[in-house]
N, C-alpha and C. Protein backbone atom coordinates (compact mmCIF):
# COMPACT_ATOMS: atom_id res chain seq x y z
N MET A 1 -34.86 -58.59 -17.06
CA MET A 1 -34.23 -57.63 -15.98
C MET A 1 -35.13 -58.16 -14.91
N SER A 2 -34.62 -58.24 -13.92
CA SER A 2 -35.58 -58.52 -12.74
C SER A 2 -36.17 -57.51 -11.93
N ARG A 3 -37.08 -57.39 -11.29
CA ARG A 3 -37.73 -56.31 -10.20
C ARG A 3 -36.38 -55.60 -9.55
N GLY A 4 -35.74 -56.38 -8.65
CA GLY A 4 -34.72 -56.02 -7.77
C GLY A 4 -33.75 -55.04 -8.33
N SER A 5 -33.22 -55.47 -9.58
CA SER A 5 -32.16 -54.42 -10.11
C SER A 5 -33.42 -53.09 -10.78
N VAL A 6 -34.38 -53.17 -11.23
CA VAL A 6 -35.18 -52.04 -11.47
C VAL A 6 -35.21 -50.70 -10.25
N ARG A 7 -35.47 -51.49 -8.86
CA ARG A 7 -35.74 -50.89 -7.68
C ARG A 7 -34.14 -50.05 -7.52
N ARG A 8 -33.36 -51.18 -7.64
CA ARG A 8 -31.84 -50.29 -7.38
C ARG A 8 -31.68 -49.19 -8.28
N GLN A 9 -32.07 -48.97 -9.73
CA GLN A 9 -31.59 -48.03 -10.33
C GLN A 9 -32.70 -47.12 -10.27
N ARG A 10 -34.09 -47.38 -9.84
CA ARG A 10 -34.69 -46.18 -9.45
C ARG A 10 -33.99 -45.20 -8.26
N GLY A 11 -33.34 -45.97 -7.42
CA GLY A 11 -32.88 -45.32 -6.21
C GLY A 11 -31.50 -44.71 -6.39
N VAL A 12 -30.81 -44.75 -7.62
CA VAL A 12 -29.48 -44.29 -7.77
C VAL A 12 -29.95 -43.00 -8.76
N VAL A 13 -30.79 -42.93 -9.49
CA VAL A 13 -31.64 -41.82 -10.10
C VAL A 13 -31.98 -40.81 -9.25
N LEU A 14 -32.78 -41.56 -8.17
CA LEU A 14 -33.16 -40.08 -6.97
C LEU A 14 -31.85 -39.65 -6.03
N PHE A 15 -31.02 -40.41 -6.05
CA PHE A 15 -29.82 -39.95 -5.26
C PHE A 15 -28.93 -38.96 -6.27
N ILE A 16 -28.66 -39.04 -7.57
CA ILE A 16 -28.29 -38.38 -8.45
C ILE A 16 -29.01 -37.12 -8.56
N ALA A 17 -30.46 -37.03 -8.65
CA ALA A 17 -31.39 -35.92 -8.50
C ALA A 17 -31.21 -34.63 -7.60
N LEU A 18 -30.62 -35.56 -6.38
CA LEU A 18 -30.67 -34.69 -5.21
C LEU A 18 -29.60 -34.28 -5.10
N ILE A 19 -28.13 -34.79 -5.61
CA ILE A 19 -26.87 -34.18 -5.74
C ILE A 19 -26.94 -33.09 -6.87
N VAL A 20 -27.91 -33.03 -8.07
CA VAL A 20 -27.94 -32.27 -8.77
C VAL A 20 -28.61 -31.10 -8.49
N LEU A 21 -29.60 -30.88 -7.47
CA LEU A 21 -30.74 -30.09 -6.86
C LEU A 21 -29.57 -29.37 -5.72
N VAL A 22 -28.88 -29.83 -5.10
CA VAL A 22 -27.89 -29.14 -4.13
C VAL A 22 -27.08 -28.00 -5.08
N ALA A 23 -26.49 -28.71 -6.21
CA ALA A 23 -25.75 -27.91 -6.76
C ALA A 23 -26.12 -27.06 -7.34
N MET A 24 -27.33 -26.93 -7.76
CA MET A 24 -28.27 -26.30 -8.50
C MET A 24 -28.41 -25.03 -7.11
N THR A 25 -29.04 -25.67 -6.26
CA THR A 25 -29.21 -24.63 -4.87
C THR A 25 -28.06 -23.65 -4.77
N LEU A 26 -26.58 -24.27 -4.62
CA LEU A 26 -25.45 -23.47 -4.43
C LEU A 26 -25.09 -22.67 -5.22
N ALA A 27 -25.42 -23.04 -6.48
CA ALA A 27 -25.26 -22.08 -7.87
C ALA A 27 -26.23 -20.81 -7.80
N GLY A 28 -27.33 -20.92 -7.38
CA GLY A 28 -28.00 -19.92 -7.38
C GLY A 28 -27.69 -18.99 -6.10
N ILE A 29 -27.70 -19.66 -5.23
CA ILE A 29 -27.16 -18.72 -3.64
C ILE A 29 -25.85 -17.94 -4.29
N ALA A 30 -24.94 -18.65 -4.87
CA ALA A 30 -23.89 -17.63 -5.33
C ALA A 30 -24.12 -16.72 -6.24
N LEU A 31 -24.87 -17.14 -7.09
CA LEU A 31 -25.48 -16.21 -8.08
C LEU A 31 -26.05 -14.68 -7.21
N VAL A 32 -26.93 -14.81 -6.17
CA VAL A 32 -27.14 -13.79 -5.85
C VAL A 32 -26.52 -12.88 -4.83
N ARG A 33 -25.81 -13.80 -4.11
CA ARG A 33 -24.36 -13.00 -3.52
C ARG A 33 -23.68 -12.25 -4.17
N SER A 34 -23.23 -12.70 -5.65
CA SER A 34 -22.64 -11.92 -6.33
C SER A 34 -23.19 -10.33 -6.77
N VAL A 35 -24.29 -10.66 -7.11
CA VAL A 35 -25.31 -9.66 -7.81
C VAL A 35 -25.40 -8.58 -6.38
N ASP A 36 -25.82 -9.07 -5.12
CA ASP A 36 -25.47 -8.35 -4.28
C ASP A 36 -24.32 -7.93 -4.13
N THR A 37 -23.24 -8.28 -4.09
CA THR A 37 -21.75 -7.42 -3.80
C THR A 37 -21.54 -6.94 -4.71
N SER A 38 -22.31 -6.78 -6.23
CA SER A 38 -21.90 -5.82 -7.07
C SER A 38 -22.51 -4.39 -7.07
N VAL A 39 -23.93 -4.57 -6.47
CA VAL A 39 -24.61 -3.55 -6.07
C VAL A 39 -24.02 -2.64 -4.61
N VAL A 40 -23.47 -3.55 -3.77
CA VAL A 40 -22.77 -2.58 -3.12
C VAL A 40 -21.55 -2.06 -3.42
N ILE A 41 -20.56 -2.54 -4.26
CA ILE A 41 -19.64 -1.86 -4.80
C ILE A 41 -20.06 -0.84 -5.64
N SER A 42 -20.92 -0.84 -6.59
CA SER A 42 -21.43 0.32 -7.28
C SER A 42 -21.93 1.15 -6.02
N GLY A 43 -22.26 1.32 -5.43
CA GLY A 43 -23.06 2.22 -4.58
C GLY A 43 -21.63 2.84 -3.76
N ASN A 44 -21.00 2.15 -3.19
CA ASN A 44 -19.67 2.68 -2.68
C ASN A 44 -19.05 3.51 -3.45
N LEU A 45 -18.66 3.22 -5.01
CA LEU A 45 -18.18 3.84 -5.82
C LEU A 45 -18.90 5.26 -5.94
N ALA A 46 -20.21 5.41 -6.19
CA ALA A 46 -21.00 6.50 -6.50
C ALA A 46 -20.73 7.27 -5.45
N PHE A 47 -20.76 7.09 -3.81
CA PHE A 47 -20.56 7.84 -2.78
C PHE A 47 -19.25 8.45 -2.77
N LYS A 48 -18.21 7.67 -3.09
CA LYS A 48 -17.11 8.20 -3.27
C LYS A 48 -16.55 9.35 -4.58
N GLN A 49 -17.37 8.94 -5.73
CA GLN A 49 -17.54 9.97 -6.63
C GLN A 49 -18.05 11.36 -6.25
N THR A 50 -19.18 11.11 -5.60
CA THR A 50 -19.86 12.54 -4.95
C THR A 50 -19.16 12.91 -4.26
N ALA A 51 -18.76 12.28 -2.79
CA ALA A 51 -17.67 12.81 -2.20
C ALA A 51 -16.66 13.63 -3.05
N THR A 52 -15.94 13.18 -3.89
CA THR A 52 -14.73 13.86 -4.46
C THR A 52 -15.44 15.23 -5.46
N GLN A 53 -16.67 14.86 -5.85
CA GLN A 53 -16.94 16.41 -6.26
C GLN A 53 -17.45 17.12 -5.43
N SER A 54 -17.79 16.92 -4.12
CA SER A 54 -18.30 18.06 -3.28
C SER A 54 -17.11 18.70 -2.75
N SER A 55 -15.98 18.35 -3.17
CA SER A 55 -14.71 19.00 -2.71
C SER A 55 -14.44 20.29 -3.42
N ASP A 56 -14.92 20.46 -4.61
CA ASP A 56 -15.28 21.60 -5.53
C ASP A 56 -15.82 22.53 -4.78
N SER A 57 -16.86 22.38 -4.13
CA SER A 57 -17.01 23.56 -3.29
C SER A 57 -16.07 24.25 -2.01
N ALA A 58 -15.13 23.09 -1.56
CA ALA A 58 -14.25 23.80 -0.67
C ALA A 58 -13.16 24.57 -1.37
N MET A 59 -12.80 24.03 -2.70
CA MET A 59 -11.74 24.57 -3.58
C MET A 59 -12.14 25.95 -3.89
N ALA A 60 -13.53 26.18 -4.51
CA ALA A 60 -14.00 27.78 -4.73
C ALA A 60 -13.90 28.58 -3.60
N GLN A 61 -14.40 27.93 -2.28
CA GLN A 61 -14.49 28.87 -1.33
C GLN A 61 -13.11 29.28 -0.94
N ALA A 62 -11.85 28.64 -0.81
CA ALA A 62 -10.92 28.83 -0.58
C ALA A 62 -9.96 29.55 -1.27
N PHE A 63 -10.26 29.47 -2.90
CA PHE A 63 -9.77 30.42 -3.71
C PHE A 63 -10.45 31.75 -3.48
N THR A 64 -11.63 32.18 -3.43
CA THR A 64 -12.23 33.23 -3.04
C THR A 64 -11.78 33.88 -2.07
N TRP A 65 -11.39 33.03 -0.74
CA TRP A 65 -11.07 33.83 0.56
C TRP A 65 -9.42 34.51 0.02
N LEU A 66 -9.02 33.32 -0.59
CA LEU A 66 -7.12 33.71 -1.05
C LEU A 66 -7.28 35.02 -1.81
N ASN A 67 -8.17 35.02 -2.74
CA ASN A 67 -8.25 36.27 -3.78
C ASN A 67 -8.64 37.32 -3.57
N ALA A 68 -9.42 37.37 -2.31
CA ALA A 68 -9.88 38.63 -1.28
C ALA A 68 -9.03 38.97 -0.40
N ASN A 69 -8.25 38.34 0.07
CA ASN A 69 -7.12 38.56 1.12
C ASN A 69 -5.62 38.75 0.52
N SER A 70 -5.86 38.80 -1.13
CA SER A 70 -4.63 38.84 -1.52
C SER A 70 -3.40 40.04 -1.50
N ALA A 71 -4.52 41.30 -1.47
CA ALA A 71 -3.74 42.19 -1.37
C ALA A 71 -2.96 42.62 -0.16
N GLY A 72 -1.77 43.48 -0.27
CA GLY A 72 -1.36 43.80 0.96
C GLY A 72 -0.45 42.81 1.36
N ALA A 73 -0.32 42.79 3.00
CA ALA A 73 0.28 41.56 3.29
C ALA A 73 -0.36 40.74 4.72
N THR A 74 -1.76 40.43 4.10
CA THR A 74 -2.73 39.54 4.58
C THR A 74 -1.99 38.40 4.78
N LEU A 75 -1.89 37.97 3.78
CA LEU A 75 -1.60 36.50 3.49
C LEU A 75 -0.18 35.97 4.35
N GLN A 76 0.76 37.18 4.60
CA GLN A 76 1.87 36.79 5.31
C GLN A 76 1.73 36.40 6.64
N SER A 77 0.86 36.24 7.56
CA SER A 77 0.49 35.89 8.67
C SER A 77 -0.47 34.69 8.82
N ASP A 78 -0.54 33.92 9.83
CA ASP A 78 -1.43 32.95 9.91
C ASP A 78 -3.04 33.56 10.21
N ASN A 79 -3.68 33.00 9.91
CA ASN A 79 -5.19 33.12 10.15
C ASN A 79 -5.90 31.88 10.29
N VAL A 80 -5.58 31.44 11.40
CA VAL A 80 -6.16 30.00 11.91
C VAL A 80 -7.55 30.03 11.88
N GLY A 81 -8.21 31.00 12.36
CA GLY A 81 -9.76 31.04 12.18
C GLY A 81 -10.27 30.93 10.87
N SER A 82 -9.71 31.24 9.67
CA SER A 82 -9.76 30.96 8.23
C SER A 82 -9.37 29.98 7.84
N GLY A 83 -8.57 29.06 8.51
CA GLY A 83 -8.09 27.83 8.00
C GLY A 83 -6.91 28.24 7.10
N TYR A 84 -6.24 29.62 7.36
CA TYR A 84 -5.39 29.47 6.63
C TYR A 84 -4.00 29.58 7.75
N PHE A 85 -2.95 28.94 6.75
CA PHE A 85 -1.56 28.86 7.64
C PHE A 85 -0.28 29.35 6.80
N SER A 86 0.75 30.50 7.07
CA SER A 86 1.63 31.16 6.25
C SER A 86 2.79 30.12 5.74
N ALA A 87 2.83 29.23 6.31
CA ALA A 87 3.93 28.37 6.19
C ALA A 87 3.23 26.75 5.77
N ARG A 88 4.23 26.26 5.02
CA ARG A 88 3.44 24.43 4.85
C ARG A 88 4.26 23.83 6.09
N PRO A 89 3.29 22.59 6.23
CA PRO A 89 3.87 21.92 7.62
C PRO A 89 5.35 21.46 7.51
N ALA A 90 6.13 21.51 8.41
CA ALA A 90 7.34 20.80 8.56
C ALA A 90 7.38 19.17 8.27
N VAL A 91 6.19 18.87 8.58
CA VAL A 91 5.94 17.14 8.38
C VAL A 91 4.67 17.46 7.85
N GLU A 92 4.75 16.25 6.92
CA GLU A 92 2.90 16.49 6.13
C GLU A 92 2.51 15.50 6.85
N PRO A 93 1.12 16.06 6.97
CA PRO A 93 0.23 15.61 8.56
C PRO A 93 -0.65 14.55 7.75
N ASP A 94 -0.77 13.34 8.37
CA ASP A 94 -1.89 12.16 8.06
C ASP A 94 -3.18 12.87 8.00
N TRP A 95 -3.81 12.94 6.61
CA TRP A 95 -4.66 13.76 6.49
C TRP A 95 -6.12 12.84 6.72
N SER A 96 -5.85 11.74 6.79
CA SER A 96 -6.95 10.48 7.03
C SER A 96 -7.06 10.81 8.87
N ASN A 97 -6.18 11.15 9.53
CA ASN A 97 -6.40 11.35 11.18
C ASN A 97 -7.43 12.58 11.29
N MET A 98 -8.29 12.49 12.06
CA MET A 98 -9.41 13.68 12.41
C MET A 98 -8.53 14.64 12.90
N ALA A 99 -7.76 14.44 13.71
CA ALA A 99 -7.02 15.41 14.71
C ALA A 99 -6.55 16.29 14.16
N ASN A 100 -6.15 16.15 12.49
CA ASN A 100 -5.65 17.12 11.67
C ASN A 100 -5.95 18.14 11.19
N TRP A 101 -7.35 18.14 11.37
CA TRP A 101 -8.41 18.85 10.87
C TRP A 101 -8.94 19.86 11.68
N ALA A 102 -8.56 20.08 13.33
CA ALA A 102 -8.78 21.15 14.30
C ALA A 102 -9.09 22.33 13.62
N ASN A 103 -8.24 23.13 12.81
CA ASN A 103 -8.53 24.36 12.74
C ASN A 103 -8.76 24.76 11.22
N ALA A 104 -9.63 23.53 10.64
CA ALA A 104 -10.12 23.56 9.58
C ALA A 104 -11.60 24.56 9.11
N VAL A 105 -11.82 24.70 8.27
CA VAL A 105 -13.07 25.52 7.70
C VAL A 105 -13.79 24.50 7.36
N VAL A 106 -15.18 24.37 7.95
CA VAL A 106 -16.24 23.29 7.81
C VAL A 106 -17.48 24.47 7.14
N LEU A 107 -17.55 23.99 5.63
CA LEU A 107 -18.89 24.60 5.54
C LEU A 107 -20.26 23.96 5.70
N ASN A 108 -20.84 24.97 5.80
CA ASN A 108 -22.40 25.07 6.20
C ASN A 108 -22.43 24.66 7.39
N GLY A 109 -21.39 25.21 8.38
CA GLY A 109 -21.16 25.23 9.62
C GLY A 109 -21.36 23.80 10.18
N GLY A 110 -20.85 22.63 9.42
CA GLY A 110 -20.65 21.71 9.74
C GLY A 110 -22.06 20.60 9.48
N ALA A 111 -22.93 21.32 8.94
CA ALA A 111 -24.21 20.52 8.38
C ALA A 111 -23.71 19.58 7.04
N PRO A 112 -24.42 18.43 7.04
CA PRO A 112 -24.09 18.03 5.32
C PRO A 112 -24.77 18.53 4.58
N ASP A 113 -24.15 18.76 3.28
CA ASP A 113 -25.34 19.18 2.08
C ASP A 113 -25.98 18.53 1.76
N ALA A 114 -26.36 18.55 0.35
CA ALA A 114 -27.35 17.73 -0.24
C ALA A 114 -27.37 16.60 -0.48
N THR A 115 -25.88 16.24 -0.59
CA THR A 115 -25.97 15.15 -0.85
C THR A 115 -25.26 13.98 0.29
N GLY A 116 -25.19 14.75 1.37
CA GLY A 116 -24.97 14.03 3.11
C GLY A 116 -23.23 13.90 3.24
N ASN A 117 -22.95 15.16 2.76
CA ASN A 117 -21.15 15.16 2.78
C ASN A 117 -20.93 16.44 3.82
N VAL A 118 -20.12 16.17 4.44
CA VAL A 118 -19.58 17.44 5.46
C VAL A 118 -18.22 17.59 4.71
N VAL A 119 -17.86 19.07 4.40
CA VAL A 119 -16.94 19.25 3.80
C VAL A 119 -16.17 20.38 4.43
N ARG A 120 -14.50 20.22 4.37
CA ARG A 120 -13.54 21.05 5.56
C ARG A 120 -12.65 21.27 4.34
N TYR A 121 -11.66 22.39 4.70
CA TYR A 121 -10.64 22.59 3.99
C TYR A 121 -9.93 23.39 5.05
N VAL A 122 -8.35 23.52 4.39
CA VAL A 122 -7.11 24.12 5.19
C VAL A 122 -6.34 24.57 3.85
N VAL A 123 -5.77 25.60 4.13
CA VAL A 123 -5.00 26.35 3.03
C VAL A 123 -3.72 26.76 3.80
N HIS A 124 -2.45 26.12 2.88
CA HIS A 124 -0.96 26.52 3.35
C HIS A 124 -0.23 27.25 2.17
N ARG A 125 0.36 28.49 2.80
CA ARG A 125 0.92 28.90 1.73
C ARG A 125 2.29 28.25 1.84
N MET A 126 2.82 27.88 0.69
CA MET A 126 3.91 26.84 0.55
C MET A 126 5.45 27.74 0.89
N CYS A 127 5.53 28.12 1.86
CA CYS A 127 6.83 28.67 2.25
C CYS A 127 7.28 28.12 3.67
N THR A 128 8.59 28.29 3.90
CA THR A 128 9.02 27.52 4.92
C THR A 128 8.90 27.93 6.33
N GLU A 129 8.55 29.42 6.39
CA GLU A 129 8.97 30.02 7.92
C GLU A 129 7.54 31.16 7.83
N PRO A 130 6.73 30.82 8.65
CA PRO A 130 5.58 31.21 9.27
C PRO A 130 5.81 32.68 9.36
N ASP A 131 4.76 33.48 9.13
CA ASP A 131 4.41 35.21 9.53
C ASP A 131 5.75 35.95 8.95
N THR A 132 5.94 35.42 7.71
CA THR A 132 7.31 36.40 7.38
C THR A 132 6.75 36.40 5.68
N PRO A 133 7.22 37.72 5.39
CA PRO A 133 7.15 38.06 4.01
C PRO A 133 7.70 36.87 2.97
N TYR A 134 7.39 36.72 2.04
CA TYR A 134 7.95 35.65 0.80
C TYR A 134 9.31 35.85 0.66
N ASN A 135 9.89 36.85 0.91
CA ASN A 135 11.62 37.03 0.33
C ASN A 135 12.16 37.42 2.04
N GLY A 136 11.47 37.50 2.97
CA GLY A 136 11.71 38.08 4.26
C GLY A 136 12.87 36.82 4.91
N THR A 137 13.05 37.17 6.35
CA THR A 137 13.69 36.32 7.20
C THR A 137 12.95 35.93 8.56
N ASN A 138 13.16 34.93 9.18
CA ASN A 138 12.45 34.88 10.41
C ASN A 138 13.54 34.39 11.38
N ALA A 139 14.26 35.19 12.09
CA ALA A 139 15.27 34.74 12.99
C ALA A 139 16.39 34.52 12.32
N GLY A 140 16.67 35.01 11.34
CA GLY A 140 18.04 35.02 10.43
C GLY A 140 17.57 33.57 9.48
N VAL A 141 16.57 32.79 9.46
CA VAL A 141 16.42 32.08 8.68
C VAL A 141 15.71 32.55 7.21
N ALA A 142 16.08 32.33 6.05
CA ALA A 142 15.56 32.96 4.97
C ALA A 142 14.42 32.09 4.77
N ASN A 143 13.19 32.47 3.87
CA ASN A 143 11.81 32.12 3.96
C ASN A 143 12.07 31.46 2.63
N VAL A 144 11.84 30.77 2.44
CA VAL A 144 11.96 29.68 1.00
C VAL A 144 10.16 29.17 0.37
N CYS A 145 10.07 29.92 -0.71
CA CYS A 145 8.61 29.59 -1.32
C CYS A 145 8.69 29.26 -2.43
N ALA A 146 7.49 28.75 -2.71
CA ALA A 146 7.36 27.87 -4.12
C ALA A 146 6.98 28.89 -4.67
N LEU A 147 7.59 29.38 -5.76
CA LEU A 147 7.54 30.69 -6.94
C LEU A 147 7.46 30.15 -8.27
N SER A 148 6.44 30.79 -8.86
CA SER A 148 6.76 30.92 -10.22
C SER A 148 6.68 32.27 -10.83
N TYR A 149 7.68 32.46 -11.59
CA TYR A 149 8.03 33.90 -12.51
C TYR A 149 7.39 33.74 -13.70
N PRO A 150 6.50 34.14 -14.15
CA PRO A 150 5.77 34.17 -15.58
C PRO A 150 6.19 35.25 -16.48
N ALA A 151 6.60 34.86 -17.58
CA ALA A 151 6.94 35.62 -18.61
C ALA A 151 6.05 36.85 -19.04
N SER A 152 6.29 38.40 -18.98
CA SER A 152 5.55 39.24 -19.26
C SER A 152 5.07 39.25 -20.75
N ALA A 153 4.00 39.61 -21.04
CA ALA A 153 3.75 39.55 -22.72
C ALA A 153 4.30 40.82 -22.88
N SER A 154 4.56 40.80 -24.60
CA SER A 154 5.37 42.09 -25.41
C SER A 154 4.19 43.08 -25.20
N THR A 155 4.76 44.32 -24.99
CA THR A 155 3.96 45.46 -24.86
C THR A 155 4.34 46.52 -25.97
N VAL A 156 3.35 47.42 -25.90
CA VAL A 156 3.85 48.50 -27.56
C VAL A 156 5.23 49.13 -26.87
N GLY A 157 6.05 49.10 -27.96
CA GLY A 157 7.22 49.86 -27.60
C GLY A 157 8.53 48.63 -27.18
N GLY A 158 7.93 47.23 -26.77
CA GLY A 158 8.59 46.13 -26.51
C GLY A 158 9.50 45.71 -27.53
N SER A 159 10.41 44.94 -27.36
CA SER A 159 11.14 44.10 -28.63
C SER A 159 10.50 42.86 -28.76
N MET A 160 10.11 42.73 -30.32
CA MET A 160 9.40 42.10 -30.83
C MET A 160 10.32 41.23 -31.75
N SER A 161 11.47 41.26 -31.69
CA SER A 161 12.49 40.81 -32.66
C SER A 161 12.50 39.25 -32.15
N VAL A 162 12.94 38.27 -33.17
CA VAL A 162 13.06 36.72 -32.59
C VAL A 162 14.30 36.42 -31.69
N GLY A 163 14.06 35.99 -30.81
CA GLY A 163 14.98 35.79 -29.41
C GLY A 163 15.48 37.01 -28.53
N ALA A 164 14.69 38.05 -28.31
CA ALA A 164 14.68 39.03 -27.60
C ALA A 164 14.32 38.59 -26.35
N PRO A 165 15.22 38.97 -25.48
CA PRO A 165 14.55 38.49 -24.15
C PRO A 165 13.12 38.56 -23.47
N ALA A 166 12.72 37.91 -23.02
CA ALA A 166 11.54 38.13 -22.15
C ALA A 166 11.62 38.59 -20.80
N PHE A 167 10.89 39.74 -20.18
CA PHE A 167 11.08 40.09 -18.96
C PHE A 167 10.07 39.25 -18.33
N GLU A 168 10.66 39.09 -17.12
CA GLU A 168 9.61 38.14 -15.97
C GLU A 168 8.39 39.45 -15.36
N ALA A 169 7.47 38.80 -15.14
CA ALA A 169 6.84 39.49 -14.20
C ALA A 169 6.57 39.53 -13.04
N LEU A 170 5.95 39.74 -12.14
CA LEU A 170 5.87 39.68 -10.74
C LEU A 170 6.27 38.22 -10.31
N PRO A 171 6.44 37.86 -9.42
CA PRO A 171 6.17 36.27 -9.05
C PRO A 171 5.29 36.05 -8.57
N GLN A 172 4.83 34.87 -8.70
CA GLN A 172 3.42 34.45 -8.01
C GLN A 172 3.72 33.12 -7.09
N LEU A 173 3.09 33.28 -5.86
CA LEU A 173 3.00 32.31 -4.93
C LEU A 173 2.30 31.19 -4.95
N PHE A 174 2.65 30.01 -4.61
CA PHE A 174 1.96 28.71 -4.55
C PHE A 174 1.14 28.74 -3.87
N TYR A 175 -0.21 28.40 -3.32
CA TYR A 175 -0.78 28.14 -1.86
C TYR A 175 -1.48 26.67 -2.30
N ARG A 176 -1.63 25.75 -1.44
CA ARG A 176 -2.24 24.53 -1.22
C ARG A 176 -3.09 24.43 -0.47
N VAL A 177 -4.56 23.94 -1.07
CA VAL A 177 -5.69 23.92 -0.38
C VAL A 177 -6.10 22.53 -0.51
N THR A 178 -6.20 21.93 0.89
CA THR A 178 -6.38 20.43 1.08
C THR A 178 -7.63 20.35 1.84
N ALA A 179 -8.66 19.64 0.72
CA ALA A 179 -9.86 19.25 1.49
C ALA A 179 -10.28 18.26 1.81
N ARG A 180 -11.22 18.18 2.85
CA ARG A 180 -11.48 16.76 3.23
C ARG A 180 -13.24 16.51 3.13
N VAL A 181 -13.96 15.44 2.92
CA VAL A 181 -15.23 15.36 2.54
C VAL A 181 -15.50 13.92 3.33
N ASP A 182 -16.58 14.34 4.37
CA ASP A 182 -16.77 12.80 4.97
C ASP A 182 -18.34 12.68 4.67
N GLY A 183 -18.59 11.52 3.78
CA GLY A 183 -19.95 11.15 3.62
C GLY A 183 -20.62 10.11 4.18
N PRO A 184 -21.25 9.47 3.45
CA PRO A 184 -22.70 8.58 3.82
C PRO A 184 -21.79 6.95 3.62
N ARG A 185 -21.95 6.17 4.62
CA ARG A 185 -21.25 4.66 4.37
C ARG A 185 -19.66 5.17 4.94
N ASN A 186 -19.32 5.89 5.58
CA ASN A 186 -17.97 6.31 6.16
C ASN A 186 -16.97 6.53 4.66
N THR A 187 -17.47 7.23 3.80
CA THR A 187 -16.86 7.83 2.79
C THR A 187 -16.16 9.05 3.13
N VAL A 188 -14.49 8.64 2.89
CA VAL A 188 -13.68 9.60 3.00
C VAL A 188 -12.88 10.19 1.72
N SER A 189 -12.91 11.20 1.73
CA SER A 189 -12.22 11.69 0.28
C SER A 189 -11.44 13.01 0.59
N ILE A 190 -9.76 12.69 0.21
CA ILE A 190 -9.21 13.64 0.42
C ILE A 190 -8.56 14.30 -1.13
N VAL A 191 -8.91 15.59 -0.79
CA VAL A 191 -8.26 16.15 -2.24
C VAL A 191 -7.36 17.84 -2.24
N GLN A 192 -6.46 17.77 -3.16
CA GLN A 192 -5.27 18.75 -2.62
C GLN A 192 -5.43 19.68 -4.37
N ALA A 193 -5.57 20.83 -4.02
CA ALA A 193 -4.97 21.53 -5.56
C ALA A 193 -4.23 22.52 -5.13
N SER A 194 -3.50 23.15 -6.00
CA SER A 194 -2.47 24.26 -5.91
C SER A 194 -3.09 25.68 -6.74
N VAL A 195 -3.10 26.50 -5.73
CA VAL A 195 -3.48 28.13 -6.21
C VAL A 195 -2.07 28.68 -6.54
N LEU A 196 -2.17 29.48 -7.73
CA LEU A 196 -1.29 30.82 -7.87
C LEU A 196 -1.58 31.87 -7.48
N LEU A 197 -1.24 32.76 -7.12
CA LEU A 197 -1.58 34.33 -6.88
C LEU A 197 -0.18 35.31 -6.94
N PRO A 198 -0.18 36.24 -7.89
CA PRO A 198 0.48 37.38 -7.70
C PRO A 198 0.64 37.69 -6.07
N ILE A 199 2.34 38.02 -6.26
CA ILE A 199 2.62 38.64 -4.63
C ILE A 199 1.80 40.48 -4.91
C-alpha cells in the first residue's frame, strides 16, 4: 500500500468522524429540548389542576349564600351585588370572555389566593323569567323552571305495601353556579355545578 492511499484513508476517517459528531450534537440538542418541553407541559398541567381545585372555594361560598337566602322570596329576585340572577341567560354567554364576568363575586376582594389564583363566580336560578316566583308569570308569560320532585319517605301511618303510591315532596329548584379561576401562566379554568334547593 502506498503512502498516498494511506493519507487519503485518514482524510475519509476524519470526514466520517465529523459527520458522526454533528449527528450526536443534533441528537443531544433534540433530547434537551424534549426534556425541557416535558417539564413545561407538566408545569402547565399542574397549574391547570390547581386552578380547577381552587374553584371549590367558589362553589362552597355560592352554596352557603344560596342556603342562607333560600327561605322566603329572596331568591325570586336578582341580587346583582351578590352575583345572583333569578333567571338563566337567554343565550349562554362565552364564559372565556372576561366582559361576561362584570357582575361576578370575586373572592378575597380580587387578591390571588395562596396558589396565585383569582376566583370569581355567578349563580343563575334555572328559570326562564327573572324576578318571578317559580310558578308565577311575568307579563303573562309563564315562568318555566328546572325542578325536581323528590319522593317522600314513608312515615308512620303511611302505606308500606308493595306498589303503594309514593307521594311527592315539595319541589326543588335547580341553581347553576359558574366559577372562573384565573391563575399563573395565563391559566383559566371554568367550572359549573348544579345545586338543588327546596322551594
